[in-house]
Amino acid sequence: MTSDFEAQLRAVSLRVTRPRLAVLAALHDHPHVDTDTVIALVRTGHPMVSHQAVYDVLRALTDAGLVRRIQPAGATARYETRVADNHHHIVCRSCGAIADVDCAVGDTPCLTASDDHGFTVDEAEVVYWGTCPDCSEGSR
């Protein structure tokens, strides 16, 4: 898997560094985590990596399009490596769990706005809210 991450970094003209590889691996294995969780995950294998290094890596990876930053209303920013499609998210109102949701029909039906006001639409952000199965079970 590391060679896949190295290839991804090279494809967007980013240097291959241990912190970048560690952040990509953490996000690949743990999608939708916040910055503090990324730092903790990275430090399990690289204890000397600073907070600032992780912040810088997240910014570089996001700017390069290798990582997507999402921030549902009222929540801290989260990161994921699923960037090659226009998918959405469902968020638990109780525990904050986040899961991916594919578009309901076709590749990009939500990109057809009823009135685009002359904009060229290239992305739509849809967030579904509800209660996850664990929280629903716990409230019974």
Protein backbone atom coordinates (compact mmCIF):
# COMPACT_ATOMS: atom_id res chain seq x y z
CA MET A 1 0.00 0.00 0.00
CA THR A 2 2.89 2.39 0.70
CA SER A 3 3.94 2.22 -2.95
CA ASP A 4 0.38 3.26 -3.92
CA PHE A 5 0.66 6.29 -1.64
CA GLU A 6 4.11 7.11 -3.03
CA ALA A 7 2.69 6.99 -6.56
CA GLN A 8 -0.20 9.25 -5.56
CA LEU A 9 2.18 11.82 -4.09
CA ARG A 10 4.44 11.75 -7.14
CA ALA A 11 1.45 12.05 -9.49
CA VAL A 12 0.60 15.43 -7.95
CA SER A 13 4.26 16.53 -7.76
CA LEU A 14 4.56 16.24 -3.98
CA ARG A 15 7.72 14.92 -2.37
CA VAL A 16 7.38 11.53 -0.73
CA THR A 17 7.94 12.00 3.01
CA ARG A 18 7.23 9.81 6.01
CA PRO A 19 4.65 12.22 7.47
CA ARG A 20 2.77 12.39 4.15
CA LEU A 21 2.78 8.60 3.81
CA ALA A 22 1.66 8.21 7.43
CA VAL A 23 -1.21 10.68 7.02
CA LEU A 24 -2.40 9.02 3.80
CA ALA A 25 -2.28 5.60 5.48
CA ALA A 26 -4.17 6.88 8.53
CA LEU A 27 -6.91 8.43 6.39
CA HIS A 28 -7.11 5.38 4.15
CA ASP A 29 -7.66 3.12 7.18
CA HIS A 30 -9.80 5.59 9.17
CA PRO A 31 -11.94 7.79 6.92
CA HIS A 32 -13.81 10.79 8.34
CA VAL A 33 -11.46 11.45 11.25
CA ASP A 34 -10.59 14.84 12.68
CA THR A 35 -7.14 16.39 12.89
CA ASP A 36 -6.49 15.29 16.48
CA THR A 37 -7.26 11.69 15.54
CA VAL A 38 -4.97 11.91 12.50
CA ILE A 39 -2.18 13.19 14.75
CA ALA A 40 -2.71 10.34 17.21
CA LEU A 41 -2.78 7.75 14.42
CA VAL A 42 0.37 9.13 12.78
CA ARG A 43 2.20 9.25 16.10
CA THR A 44 1.64 5.53 16.74
CA GLY A 45 4.26 4.85 14.09
CA HIS A 46 6.11 8.18 14.09
CA PRO A 47 6.06 9.62 17.64
CA MET A 48 8.24 12.61 16.77
CA VAL A 49 5.91 14.07 14.11
CA SER A 50 4.68 17.46 15.30
CA HIS A 51 1.14 18.81 15.29
CA GLN A 52 2.22 21.46 12.82
CA ALA A 53 3.68 18.86 10.45
CA VAL A 54 0.36 17.01 10.36
CA TYR A 55 -1.56 20.25 9.79
CA ASP A 56 0.83 21.14 6.96
CA VAL A 57 0.51 17.68 5.41
CA LEU A 58 -3.30 17.79 5.58
CA ARG A 59 -3.31 21.19 3.89
CA ALA A 60 -0.87 20.05 1.16
CA LEU A 61 -2.80 16.83 0.50
CA THR A 62 -6.11 18.70 0.39
CA ASP A 63 -4.71 21.38 -1.93
CA ALA A 64 -3.31 18.64 -4.19
CA GLY A 65 -6.68 16.87 -4.33
CA LEU A 66 -5.51 13.66 -2.61
CA VAL A 67 -7.61 14.32 0.48
CA ARG A 68 -11.05 15.81 0.90
CA ARG A 69 -11.92 18.01 3.88
CA ILE A 70 -15.52 17.83 5.03
CA GLN A 71 -17.15 19.81 7.80
CA PRO A 72 -20.78 19.03 8.56
CA ALA A 73 -22.60 21.87 10.32
CA GLY A 74 -21.65 22.09 13.98
CA ALA A 75 -18.86 19.52 13.65
CA THR A 76 -15.08 19.75 13.45
CA ALA A 77 -13.42 19.30 10.09
CA ARG A 78 -12.89 15.71 9.01
CA TYR A 79 -10.74 14.22 6.27
CA GLU A 80 -11.07 11.35 3.83
CA THR A 81 -9.18 9.93 0.86
CA ARG A 82 -12.28 9.24 -1.24
CA VAL A 83 -11.95 12.12 -3.68
CA ALA A 84 -12.55 10.71 -7.16
CA ASP A 85 -16.33 11.02 -7.08
CA ASN A 86 -19.13 13.27 -5.94
CA HIS A 87 -20.46 11.37 -2.95
CA HIS A 88 -22.27 12.59 0.13
CA HIS A 89 -22.29 11.87 3.86
CA ILE A 90 -24.70 10.81 6.56
CA VAL A 91 -24.04 12.03 10.09
CA CYS A 92 -25.39 10.68 13.37
CA ARG A 93 -26.92 13.47 15.45
CA SER A 94 -26.11 11.57 18.61
CA CYS A 95 -22.51 10.30 18.36
CA GLY A 96 -21.26 12.15 15.27
CA ALA A 97 -20.44 9.01 13.26
CA ILE A 98 -20.08 9.74 9.55
CA ALA A 99 -20.58 7.36 6.62
CA ASP A 100 -20.33 7.79 2.85
CA VAL A 101 -23.49 7.86 0.75
CA ASP A 102 -23.31 7.40 -3.02
CA CYS A 103 -25.50 9.58 -5.25
CA ALA A 104 -28.95 8.06 -5.55
CA VAL A 105 -29.17 7.98 -9.36
CA GLY A 106 -26.53 8.28 -12.07
CA ASP A 107 -23.07 9.77 -11.67
CA THR A 108 -23.93 13.33 -10.69
CA PRO A 109 -27.69 13.95 -10.53
CA CYS A 110 -27.29 16.44 -7.70
CA LEU A 111 -25.09 18.59 -9.95
CA THR A 112 -28.13 19.56 -11.99
CA ALA A 113 -29.38 22.57 -10.05
CA SER A 114 -32.95 23.73 -10.61
CA ASP A 115 -31.44 27.21 -11.24
CA ASP A 116 -27.65 27.49 -11.52
CA HIS A 117 -27.76 31.32 -11.76
CA GLY A 118 -25.12 31.11 -14.50
CA PHE A 119 -22.61 29.20 -12.36
CA THR A 120 -20.65 26.24 -13.71
CA VAL A 121 -21.43 23.63 -11.04
CA ASP A 122 -18.69 21.08 -10.39
CA GLU A 123 -19.57 19.82 -6.92
CA ALA A 124 -22.59 19.53 -4.65
CA GLU A 125 -22.52 19.04 -0.91
CA VAL A 126 -25.36 17.02 0.53
CA VAL A 127 -25.35 15.96 4.16
CA TYR A 128 -27.95 13.59 5.51
CA TRP A 129 -28.62 13.69 9.26
CA GLY A 130 -30.11 10.98 11.44
CA THR A 131 -29.34 8.44 14.14
CA CYS A 132 -26.90 5.60 13.53
CA PRO A 133 -27.88 1.97 14.30
CA ASP A 134 -25.75 1.88 17.49
CA CYS A 135 -27.38 5.02 18.91
CA SER A 136 -30.86 3.92 17.79
CA GLU A 137 -30.34 0.58 19.55
CA GLY A 138 -29.08 2.33 22.69
CA SER A 139 -32.19 4.54 22.94
CA ARG A 140 -34.58 1.59 22.95
